[in-house]
Protein backbone atom coordinates (compact mmCIF):
# COMPACT_ATOMS: atom_id res chain seq x y z
CA MET A 1 19.48 7.56 49.60
CA SER A 2 17.23 8.39 46.67
CA GLN A 3 16.44 5.70 44.17
CA VAL A 4 16.10 6.11 40.43
CA VAL A 5 12.60 5.33 39.21
CA PRO A 6 12.81 2.28 36.84
CA TRP A 7 11.36 4.04 33.80
CA LYS A 8 13.70 7.00 34.34
CA ALA A 9 16.64 4.62 34.54
CA PHE A 10 15.53 3.10 31.26
CA VAL A 11 15.27 6.53 29.64
CA ASN A 12 18.72 7.44 30.96
CA LYS A 13 20.22 4.33 29.41
CA ILE A 14 18.56 5.09 26.07
CA SER A 15 19.86 8.67 26.23
CA GLN A 16 23.37 7.42 26.92
CA TYR A 17 23.21 4.99 24.00
CA PHE A 18 21.80 7.43 21.44
CA SER A 19 23.33 10.89 21.25
CA THR A 20 21.22 13.92 20.39
CA PHE A 21 23.18 14.30 17.17
CA GLU A 22 22.37 10.72 16.14
CA LEU A 23 18.69 11.19 16.95
CA THR A 24 18.57 14.41 14.93
CA ARG A 25 20.24 12.86 11.89
CA ALA A 26 18.02 9.79 12.04
CA LEU A 27 14.86 11.86 12.32
CA LEU A 28 15.95 14.05 9.39
CA ILE A 29 16.48 10.95 7.22
CA ALA A 30 13.05 9.61 8.16
CA VAL A 31 11.38 12.95 7.39
CA LEU A 32 13.10 13.24 4.01
CA SER A 33 12.19 9.65 3.07
CA SER A 34 8.53 10.21 3.94
CA ALA A 35 8.06 13.73 2.57
CA PHE A 36 6.93 12.52 -0.87
CA ILE A 37 3.86 10.86 0.71
CA TYR A 38 2.74 13.93 2.63
CA LEU A 39 3.52 16.37 -0.17
CA ASN A 40 1.45 14.23 -2.53
CA HIS A 41 -1.32 13.97 0.04
CA TYR A 42 -1.64 17.76 0.17
CA GLY A 43 -1.20 18.27 -3.58
CA PHE A 44 2.43 19.46 -3.66
CA SER A 45 4.09 16.70 -5.66
CA TYR A 46 6.82 17.95 -8.02
CA PRO A 47 9.27 15.67 -9.92
CA LEU A 48 12.37 17.77 -9.21
CA LEU A 49 11.61 18.07 -5.48
CA ASN A 50 10.86 14.33 -5.18
CA THR A 51 14.12 13.52 -6.99
CA ILE A 52 16.15 15.69 -4.60
CA LEU A 53 14.39 14.30 -1.52
CA GLY A 54 14.92 10.68 -2.55
CA VAL A 55 18.58 11.05 -3.47
CA THR A 56 19.31 13.06 -0.30
CA THR A 57 17.67 10.41 1.88
CA LEU A 58 19.84 7.63 0.46
CA TYR A 59 22.98 9.82 0.50
CA LEU A 60 22.61 10.55 4.21
CA LEU A 61 21.53 7.04 5.24
CA LEU A 62 24.45 5.29 3.53
CA GLN A 63 26.93 7.25 5.64
CA GLU A 64 25.39 6.22 8.96
CA GLY A 65 25.88 3.31 11.34
CA GLY A 66 23.54 0.87 13.05
CA LYS A 67 22.17 3.28 15.67
CA VAL A 68 21.00 5.81 13.11
CA TRP A 69 19.66 3.04 10.88
CA PHE A 70 17.58 1.71 13.77
CA ILE A 71 16.07 5.11 14.63
CA SER A 72 15.54 6.00 10.96
CA GLY A 73 13.83 2.67 10.32
CA ALA A 74 11.58 3.14 13.35
CA PHE A 75 10.45 6.60 12.27
CA ILE A 76 10.08 5.54 8.63
CA GLY A 77 7.76 2.81 9.89
CA LEU A 78 5.88 5.45 11.89
CA PHE A 79 5.60 8.06 9.12
CA TRP A 80 4.70 5.54 6.41
CA PHE A 81 2.41 3.18 8.35
CA TRP A 82 0.98 4.87 11.48
CA TRP A 83 -2.50 4.66 9.95
CA ILE A 84 -2.56 0.85 10.29
CA ALA A 85 -3.46 1.29 13.95
CA LEU A 86 -6.56 3.36 13.07
CA SER A 87 -8.52 0.21 12.24
CA LEU A 88 -8.45 -0.74 15.93
CA GLN A 89 -10.90 2.05 16.75
CA HIS A 90 -13.59 0.15 14.84
CA TYR A 91 -13.15 -2.77 17.23
CA GLY A 92 -13.39 -0.54 20.31
CA MET A 93 -9.69 -0.93 21.09
CA ILE A 94 -8.44 2.66 21.20
CA TRP A 95 -6.16 1.61 24.06
CA ALA A 96 -4.24 -0.66 21.68
CA VAL A 97 -3.45 2.06 19.11
CA PRO A 98 -0.18 3.27 20.75
CA ILE A 99 0.87 -0.35 21.35
CA GLU A 100 0.46 -1.22 17.68
CA ILE A 101 2.31 1.93 16.61
CA ILE A 102 5.22 1.02 18.90
CA ILE A 103 5.26 -2.51 17.44
CA ILE A 104 5.35 -1.04 13.92
CA MET A 105 8.24 1.25 14.84
CA LEU A 106 10.25 -1.47 16.57
CA SER A 107 9.68 -3.92 13.70
CA TYR A 108 11.03 -1.58 11.04
CA GLY A 109 13.72 -0.21 13.34
CA ALA A 110 14.94 -3.77 13.93
CA LEU A 111 14.83 -4.51 10.21
CA PHE A 112 16.98 -1.51 9.32
CA TRP A 113 19.35 -2.20 12.22
CA LEU A 114 19.77 -5.83 11.11
CA LEU A 115 20.76 -4.76 7.60
CA ALA A 116 23.30 -2.30 9.02
CA TRP A 117 24.61 -4.87 11.53
CA ILE A 118 25.14 -7.51 8.82
CA SER A 119 26.99 -4.96 6.73
CA GLN A 120 29.18 -3.84 9.63
CA THR A 121 29.88 -7.44 10.72
CA ILE A 122 31.03 -8.45 7.25
CA THR A 123 33.17 -5.36 6.77
CA SER A 124 34.79 -5.80 10.22
CA PHE A 125 36.90 -8.54 8.64
CA LEU A 126 38.16 -6.18 5.95
CA PRO A 127 41.21 -3.89 6.15
CA THR A 128 40.28 -0.56 7.75
CA SER A 129 41.68 1.21 4.71
CA ASN A 130 38.93 -0.26 2.55
CA THR A 131 36.10 2.31 2.68
CA LEU A 132 34.26 1.24 -0.50
CA LEU A 133 33.04 -2.24 0.45
CA PRO A 134 31.17 -1.10 3.61
CA LEU A 135 29.21 1.33 1.45
CA ILE A 136 28.50 -1.38 -1.11
CA PHE A 137 27.16 -3.77 1.54
CA LYS A 138 24.87 -1.11 3.01
CA ALA A 139 23.65 -0.14 -0.46
CA PHE A 140 22.92 -3.80 -1.15
CA GLY A 141 20.89 -3.92 2.08
CA LEU A 142 18.74 -1.03 0.83
CA PHE A 143 18.46 -2.72 -2.56
CA ILE A 144 17.00 -5.93 -1.11
CA LEU A 145 14.78 -4.16 1.42
CA SER A 146 11.73 -4.32 -0.84
CA TYR A 147 11.98 -8.14 -0.84
CA ILE A 148 11.62 -8.34 2.95
CA HIS A 149 7.98 -8.40 4.09
CA PRO A 150 7.29 -8.34 7.84
CA PHE A 151 3.99 -10.17 8.54
CA SER A 152 3.46 -10.51 4.75
CA PHE A 153 3.06 -6.72 4.50
CA ASP A 154 5.07 -5.50 1.50
CA TRP A 155 4.38 -1.77 1.28
CA LEU A 156 7.90 -0.63 2.21
CA LYS A 157 9.72 0.00 -1.06
CA LEU A 158 12.33 2.76 -0.99
CA GLU A 159 12.10 2.97 -4.79
CA LEU A 160 8.63 4.38 -4.21
CA MET A 161 10.26 7.72 -3.33
CA PHE A 162 10.94 8.13 -7.06
CA VAL A 163 7.52 7.18 -8.46
CA GLU A 164 6.68 10.84 -9.17
CA SER A 165 10.24 12.01 -9.84
CA TYR A 166 12.53 12.22 -12.83
CA LEU A 167 14.04 8.83 -11.93
CA GLY A 168 12.64 5.38 -12.57
CA ILE A 169 11.40 2.82 -10.05
CA GLY A 170 12.85 -0.27 -11.75
CA LYS A 171 15.35 -2.32 -9.77
CA TRP A 172 18.10 -1.62 -12.29
CA GLN A 173 17.38 2.11 -12.00
CA PHE A 174 17.47 1.90 -8.20
CA ALA A 175 20.83 0.12 -8.52
CA VAL A 176 22.11 2.99 -10.70
CA ILE A 177 20.98 5.55 -8.12
CA LEU A 178 22.63 3.67 -5.25
CA SER A 179 25.84 3.18 -7.27
CA ALA A 180 26.07 6.89 -8.08
CA ILE A 181 25.63 7.79 -4.42
CA VAL A 182 28.17 5.19 -3.24
CA LEU A 183 30.78 6.52 -5.69
CA SER A 184 30.07 10.10 -4.65
CA ILE A 185 30.56 9.29 -0.94
CA TRP A 186 33.63 7.12 -1.55
CA LYS A 187 35.35 9.66 -3.78
CA GLN A 188 33.97 12.58 -1.73
CA GLN A 189 32.97 14.33 -4.91
CA PHE A 190 29.40 15.30 -5.74
CA ILE A 191 30.18 15.13 -9.45
CA TYR A 192 29.53 11.36 -9.36
CA LEU A 193 25.90 12.02 -8.48
CA LEU A 194 25.43 13.05 -12.10
CA LEU A 195 25.50 9.33 -12.93
CA ILE A 196 21.89 9.15 -11.75
CA VAL A 197 20.90 10.57 -15.15
CA PHE A 198 21.19 6.99 -16.40
CA ALA A 199 18.21 6.18 -14.18
CA TYR A 200 16.11 8.86 -15.87
CA HIS A 201 12.54 7.85 -16.57
CA THR A 202 10.35 9.29 -19.31
CA HIS A 203 6.74 9.51 -18.19
CA LEU A 204 4.45 8.50 -21.04
CA GLU A 205 1.46 10.78 -21.38
CA THR A 206 -1.20 8.39 -22.60
CA PRO A 207 -4.61 10.01 -22.99
CA ASN A 208 -7.29 8.07 -21.17
CA LYS A 209 -10.22 6.99 -23.31
CA SER A 210 -12.05 4.97 -20.69
CA GLU A 211 -14.27 7.81 -19.48
CA ASP A 212 -16.32 7.39 -22.67
CA LYS A 213 -17.53 3.96 -21.58
CA ILE A 214 -16.70 3.41 -17.89
CA ALA A 215 -18.44 4.91 -14.85
CA LEU A 216 -16.01 4.80 -11.91
CA ILE A 217 -17.94 5.36 -8.68
CA THR A 218 -16.83 6.78 -5.33
CA THR A 219 -18.99 6.13 -2.26
CA HIS A 220 -18.82 7.81 1.15
CA THR A 221 -20.07 5.27 3.67
CA SER A 222 -18.34 5.04 7.03
CA VAL A 223 -17.43 1.67 8.50
CA GLN A 224 -20.07 2.07 11.19
CA ASP A 225 -22.81 2.86 8.65
CA LYS A 226 -21.69 0.16 6.24
CA TRP A 227 -22.35 -2.61 8.76
CA ASN A 228 -25.52 -1.06 10.14
CA GLU A 229 -28.22 -3.28 8.64
CA THR A 230 -30.94 -0.70 9.22
CA LEU A 231 -29.17 1.61 6.75
CA HIS A 232 -28.72 -1.03 4.03
CA PRO A 233 -31.97 -0.30 2.14
CA LYS A 234 -30.99 3.36 1.65
CA GLN A 235 -27.38 2.44 0.78
CA PHE A 236 -28.51 -0.12 -1.78
CA GLU A 237 -30.94 2.30 -3.39
CA ASN A 238 -28.09 4.81 -3.81
CA ILE A 239 -26.09 2.12 -5.58
CA PHE A 240 -28.92 1.50 -8.02
CA LYS A 241 -29.22 5.26 -8.58
CA HIS A 242 -25.54 5.26 -9.66
CA ILE A 243 -26.26 2.36 -12.00
CA ASP A 244 -29.30 4.09 -13.50
CA GLN A 245 -27.30 7.31 -14.00
CA ALA A 246 -24.54 5.37 -15.76
CA ILE A 247 -27.13 3.76 -18.03
CA GLU A 248 -28.60 7.19 -18.79
CA ASP A 249 -25.08 8.46 -19.59
CA LYS A 250 -24.73 5.53 -22.03
CA LYS A 251 -21.82 3.93 -20.19
CA LYS A 252 -20.97 0.32 -20.96
CA LEU A 253 -19.45 -0.55 -17.59
CA ILE A 254 -19.92 0.68 -14.03
CA ILE A 255 -17.36 -0.11 -11.32
CA LEU A 256 -18.39 0.11 -7.66
CA PRO A 257 -16.12 -0.09 -4.57
CA GLU A 258 -15.29 -3.00 -2.31
CA SER A 259 -18.16 -4.52 -0.31
CA VAL A 260 -20.71 -1.85 -1.25
CA PHE A 261 -23.04 -4.75 -0.61
CA PRO A 262 -21.82 -5.66 2.92
CA ILE A 263 -23.88 -8.85 2.90
CA PHE A 264 -23.50 -12.32 1.45
CA LEU A 265 -24.75 -11.16 -1.91
CA ASN A 266 -25.00 -14.68 -3.34
CA ARG A 267 -27.60 -15.43 -0.63
CA SER A 268 -29.82 -12.47 -1.60
CA GLN A 269 -31.72 -13.60 -4.68
CA LYS A 270 -33.73 -10.38 -4.77
CA LEU A 271 -30.61 -8.24 -5.21
CA ILE A 272 -29.06 -10.74 -7.63
CA ASP A 273 -32.17 -10.63 -9.83
CA ARG A 274 -32.26 -6.84 -9.76
CA LEU A 275 -28.58 -6.54 -10.69
CA GLN A 276 -29.01 -9.09 -13.49
CA GLU A 277 -31.88 -7.04 -14.87
CA LYS A 278 -29.70 -3.89 -14.89
CA ALA A 279 -26.86 -5.88 -16.49
CA LYS A 280 -28.96 -6.18 -19.64
CA GLN A 281 -28.16 -2.51 -20.21
CA ILE A 282 -24.72 -2.12 -18.59
CA SER A 283 -22.01 -4.41 -17.25
CA ILE A 284 -21.61 -4.14 -13.47
CA VAL A 285 -18.53 -4.82 -11.32
CA THR A 286 -19.25 -4.53 -7.62
CA GLY A 287 -17.92 -5.60 -4.25
CA GLY A 288 -19.83 -7.94 -1.96
CA LEU A 289 -19.36 -10.80 0.46
CA TYR A 290 -19.64 -14.45 -0.58
CA TRP A 291 -20.68 -17.42 1.55
CA ASP A 292 -20.39 -21.03 0.38
CA GLY A 293 -21.91 -22.44 3.53
CA LYS A 294 -18.57 -22.90 5.27
CA THR A 295 -16.30 -19.90 4.90
CA PRO A 296 -16.74 -16.14 4.25
CA ARG A 297 -14.98 -14.50 1.32
CA ASN A 298 -14.37 -10.93 0.23
CA SER A 299 -15.40 -10.94 -3.40
CA THR A 300 -15.99 -9.12 -6.66
CA TYR A 301 -19.24 -9.81 -8.50
CA ILE A 302 -19.24 -9.28 -12.26
CA PHE A 303 -22.66 -8.98 -13.89
CA THR A 304 -22.83 -9.03 -17.67
CA GLU A 305 -25.82 -9.54 -19.92
CA ASN A 306 -25.69 -13.33 -19.82
CA LYS A 307 -23.40 -14.23 -16.94
CA ILE A 308 -22.55 -13.75 -13.28
CA THR A 309 -18.91 -14.24 -12.28
CA VAL A 310 -17.59 -14.22 -8.73
CA ALA A 311 -13.89 -13.46 -8.19
CA ASN A 312 -12.70 -14.02 -4.64
CA LYS A 313 -9.84 -12.16 -2.99
CA VAL A 314 -6.43 -13.83 -3.33
CA LEU A 315 -4.31 -11.91 -0.80
CA LEU A 316 -5.85 -11.03 2.55
CA VAL A 317 -4.97 -8.06 4.74
CA PRO A 318 -2.65 -9.23 7.55
CA PHE A 319 -4.54 -9.08 10.89
CA GLY A 320 -7.46 -7.30 9.19
CA GLU A 321 -8.90 -10.23 7.21
CA SER A 322 -6.54 -13.07 8.06
CA ASN A 323 -4.10 -13.63 10.89
CA PRO A 324 -0.55 -14.40 9.66
CA LEU A 325 0.43 -15.92 13.03
CA PRO A 326 0.58 -19.70 13.70
CA ASP A 327 -2.85 -21.27 14.26
CA PHE A 328 -2.61 -21.48 18.05
CA LEU A 329 -1.71 -17.78 18.29
CA SER A 330 -4.11 -16.76 15.53
CA ASN A 331 -7.07 -18.38 17.28
CA TRP A 332 -6.16 -16.65 20.55
CA VAL A 333 -5.80 -13.22 18.89
CA ASN A 334 -9.13 -13.61 17.10
CA LYS A 335 -10.83 -14.63 20.34
CA VAL A 336 -9.35 -11.86 22.49
CA PHE A 337 -9.23 -8.96 20.05
CA TYR A 338 -11.84 -9.72 17.37
CA ASP A 339 -14.71 -11.26 19.38
CA GLY A 340 -13.98 -14.72 18.03
CA ALA A 341 -14.43 -13.66 14.39
CA VAL A 342 -13.48 -16.21 11.76
CA ASP A 343 -10.72 -15.31 9.26
CA TYR A 344 -11.70 -14.78 5.66
CA ILE A 345 -10.52 -17.42 3.22
CA ALA A 346 -8.38 -16.47 0.23
CA SER A 347 -8.83 -17.83 -3.26
CA PRO A 348 -5.81 -19.84 -4.48
CA ASN A 349 -5.75 -18.33 -7.98
CA VAL A 350 -5.67 -14.87 -9.49
CA VAL A 351 -8.79 -14.25 -11.59
CA ASP A 352 -9.10 -12.56 -14.98
CA TYR A 353 -12.49 -11.85 -16.55
CA LYS A 354 -13.71 -10.41 -19.84
CA ILE A 355 -16.11 -7.51 -20.37
CA ASP A 356 -16.94 -6.19 -23.86
CA GLY A 357 -13.90 -7.92 -25.32
CA GLU A 358 -11.44 -6.48 -22.75
CA ILE A 359 -9.73 -8.70 -20.18
CA TYR A 360 -9.39 -7.33 -16.64
CA ARG A 361 -7.36 -8.65 -13.70
CA ASN A 362 -9.44 -8.75 -10.52
CA ALA A 363 -8.01 -7.10 -7.40
CA ILE A 364 -9.54 -6.08 -4.09
CA CYS A 365 -7.86 -3.32 -2.09
CA PHE A 366 -4.65 -4.55 -0.39
CA GLU A 367 -3.83 -7.23 -2.96
CA ALA A 368 -3.55 -4.68 -5.80
CA THR A 369 -0.38 -3.41 -4.10
CA SER A 370 1.30 -6.82 -4.22
CA GLU A 371 3.65 -8.15 -6.89
CA LYS A 372 1.69 -11.42 -7.14
CA LEU A 373 -1.31 -9.72 -8.74
CA TYR A 374 0.86 -8.54 -11.65
CA GLU A 375 2.12 -11.97 -12.68
CA GLY A 376 1.67 -12.33 -16.42
CA THR A 377 1.74 -8.53 -16.85
CA PRO A 378 -2.00 -7.82 -17.07
CA LYS A 379 -2.99 -5.09 -19.49
CA ASN A 380 -5.95 -3.92 -17.38
CA MET A 381 -6.84 -4.25 -13.71
CA ILE A 382 -10.01 -3.35 -11.85
CA VAL A 383 -9.42 -2.61 -8.17
CA LEU A 384 -12.16 -2.25 -5.56
CA SER A 385 -11.25 -0.67 -2.21
CA ASN A 386 -12.81 0.35 1.08
CA ASN A 387 -10.55 2.94 2.71
CA GLY A 388 -13.05 3.68 5.45
CA TRP A 389 -11.01 1.61 7.89
CA PHE A 390 -8.20 4.16 7.72
CA SER A 391 -10.04 7.42 7.14
CA PRO A 392 -8.89 10.11 7.47
CA SER A 393 -5.19 9.32 6.99
CA THR A 394 -2.40 9.12 4.40
CA GLU A 395 -3.27 5.48 3.61
CA PRO A 396 -5.19 6.31 0.38
CA THR A 397 -2.22 8.39 -0.80
CA LEU A 398 0.33 5.66 -0.14
CA GLN A 399 -2.00 3.13 -1.80
CA LYS A 400 -2.28 5.37 -4.88
CA LEU A 401 1.51 5.79 -5.09
CA LEU A 402 1.97 2.02 -4.91
CA LEU A 403 -0.55 1.52 -7.71
CA GLN A 404 1.37 4.10 -9.75
CA TYR A 405 4.53 2.12 -8.99
CA TYR A 406 3.09 -1.13 -10.32
CA SER A 407 1.39 0.54 -13.27
CA GLN A 408 4.71 2.08 -14.28
CA LYS A 409 6.58 -1.17 -13.73
CA TYR A 410 4.19 -3.46 -15.62
CA GLY A 411 2.37 -1.07 -17.97
CA THR A 412 -0.97 -2.00 -16.41
CA THR A 413 -3.92 0.38 -16.67
CA ILE A 414 -5.67 0.41 -13.28
CA TYR A 415 -9.30 1.37 -12.68
CA HIS A 416 -9.75 1.99 -8.96
CA ALA A 417 -13.20 2.41 -7.37
CA VAL A 418 -12.98 3.47 -3.73
CA ASN A 419 -15.15 4.01 -0.69
CA MET A 420 -14.17 7.02 1.49
CA SER A 421 -11.52 8.45 -0.86
CA ASN A 422 -11.36 9.48 -4.52
CA SER A 423 -11.65 6.95 -7.33
CA TYR A 424 -9.25 7.25 -10.26
CA VAL A 425 -7.50 5.68 -13.24
CA ILE A 426 -3.75 5.10 -13.50
CA GLN A 427 -2.08 4.64 -16.90
CA ASN A 428 1.66 4.11 -17.38
CA GLY A 429 2.17 5.17 -13.78
CA THR A 430 0.30 8.46 -14.28
CA TYR A 431 -2.60 9.32 -12.00
CA LEU A 432 -5.79 10.45 -13.75
CA ASP A 433 -8.56 11.83 -11.56
CA ILE A 434 -11.75 11.02 -13.46
CA GLU A 435 -14.08 10.43 -10.53
CA LEU A 436 -17.66 10.11 -11.70
C-alpha cells in the first residue's frame, strides 16, 4: 500500500481548504492593493488610476470571508514588505530570506484573518436577514488596521493607496470611502459609490523655494563599502567635495544622508574640527554614529557657525537596530544571527533644532514614517536615510509614499537626503525631485 508523503498530505489539505476560486480572488485583491507602489516605482502614477485601484480593492475585500482575507493579507504582506528580508544578505544569511518572507506573509495573513473572524463571530449572533452589520464590522476592521503594528512596524496603512489619488488620506476621508462602498454593496447599486466625492482631496501646488539655499545630497555607497574602513578616506573626501561645491554655489545649508560618517564621529576630533571650519561658511546636517562610552547611537550632527548639536534617533528599526523581543529572546537572536552585536539605544525625546531662523524636526530613516515624529505638527523636517540595506527594491518608493502621507496629513515640509536612492523634498504631500 502506497503512503502519502507528509508534505504532499499537507498540500492536499491546504488545497481542500482553499478553493482555486478563493485563491484567485484573494490574489487579485492583493495585486490591486499593491499596484500603486509598483506603478509609482516605475513612474506610472496617475490619480484617476490610483483612485480606481484603491476603491476596487476595498469593494472586493469587503465582500469576502475569512479564507480570502487570510490569503489577501498574506500576499499584501509579501507585495508590500518582501524587501525587509534583503537586509539578511548583509549578514551572510541568504538561507534565512525565504523564512523571513514566510513569517511576514503569515503575520499579515493572520492579522487580516483575525479581523474577519471577529467580524464573523459577532455577526453570527445577528439575524441572518441582517446583511448590513456584517459589512459594517468588516469595514471597521479595515478602518482600525493602521493602528495595529506587528513588531512595532507601522507601515501598513490601507489609506496609503490614496496618497496620489483624487481622494484624501485622512481617517474621516477613509471612513467616507468605506461607508460609500458598504452602502453600494448592501444596496447592490453602484450609484452609492458616488458618495466618495465627499472624500475628495485638493492637492496644493506649493512652489518650493528651498533649492535657493539648501543643497540636498544623494550618495551611492553600498553597505559593504560603507563599513570598509580602508575606503573611508576616499568616502570622506567626497563628502567634503559636496560641502565645498555647496559653498561655491552659495548655499546656506547642506544636508547629507544617514551615517555618511560610519564611525563614532564624536570620537574623531580631526573630522569634527574640519566640519566646524566648513560650518563657518555653510550649516551642515550629516549622519554619523555617536558613542558615549557605554552605548552606540545612530545620530544626526548639526554644525552651525558657533555650535555643534547631536540629535539621536528616537525610533529604532525593529530587528535591524533594536530587537523588539523580550530580553532573553533578544539576546539569543543577537548572539545567533548578529554575531553578538549590541542593540542601538534610542533617545527618549524627539529633537527640534534651529538653522538660520528655521526650526527643523530631526528624523533618521525609519522613524520619519512613524506618527510619533509628527507630534506637535512640525513645520519642517529633515530626514536622513540609508536605503543601501534594501537596494535594489521597492522600499525607497514605499518610504517616499509614506512621507507624502504624513506631509499631507500634517502639512510638514520634508527634506530627505538619501544614500542609494534619490533625495527629494515633499511639500503638502507633493513629491519634488530636486536632487543636487
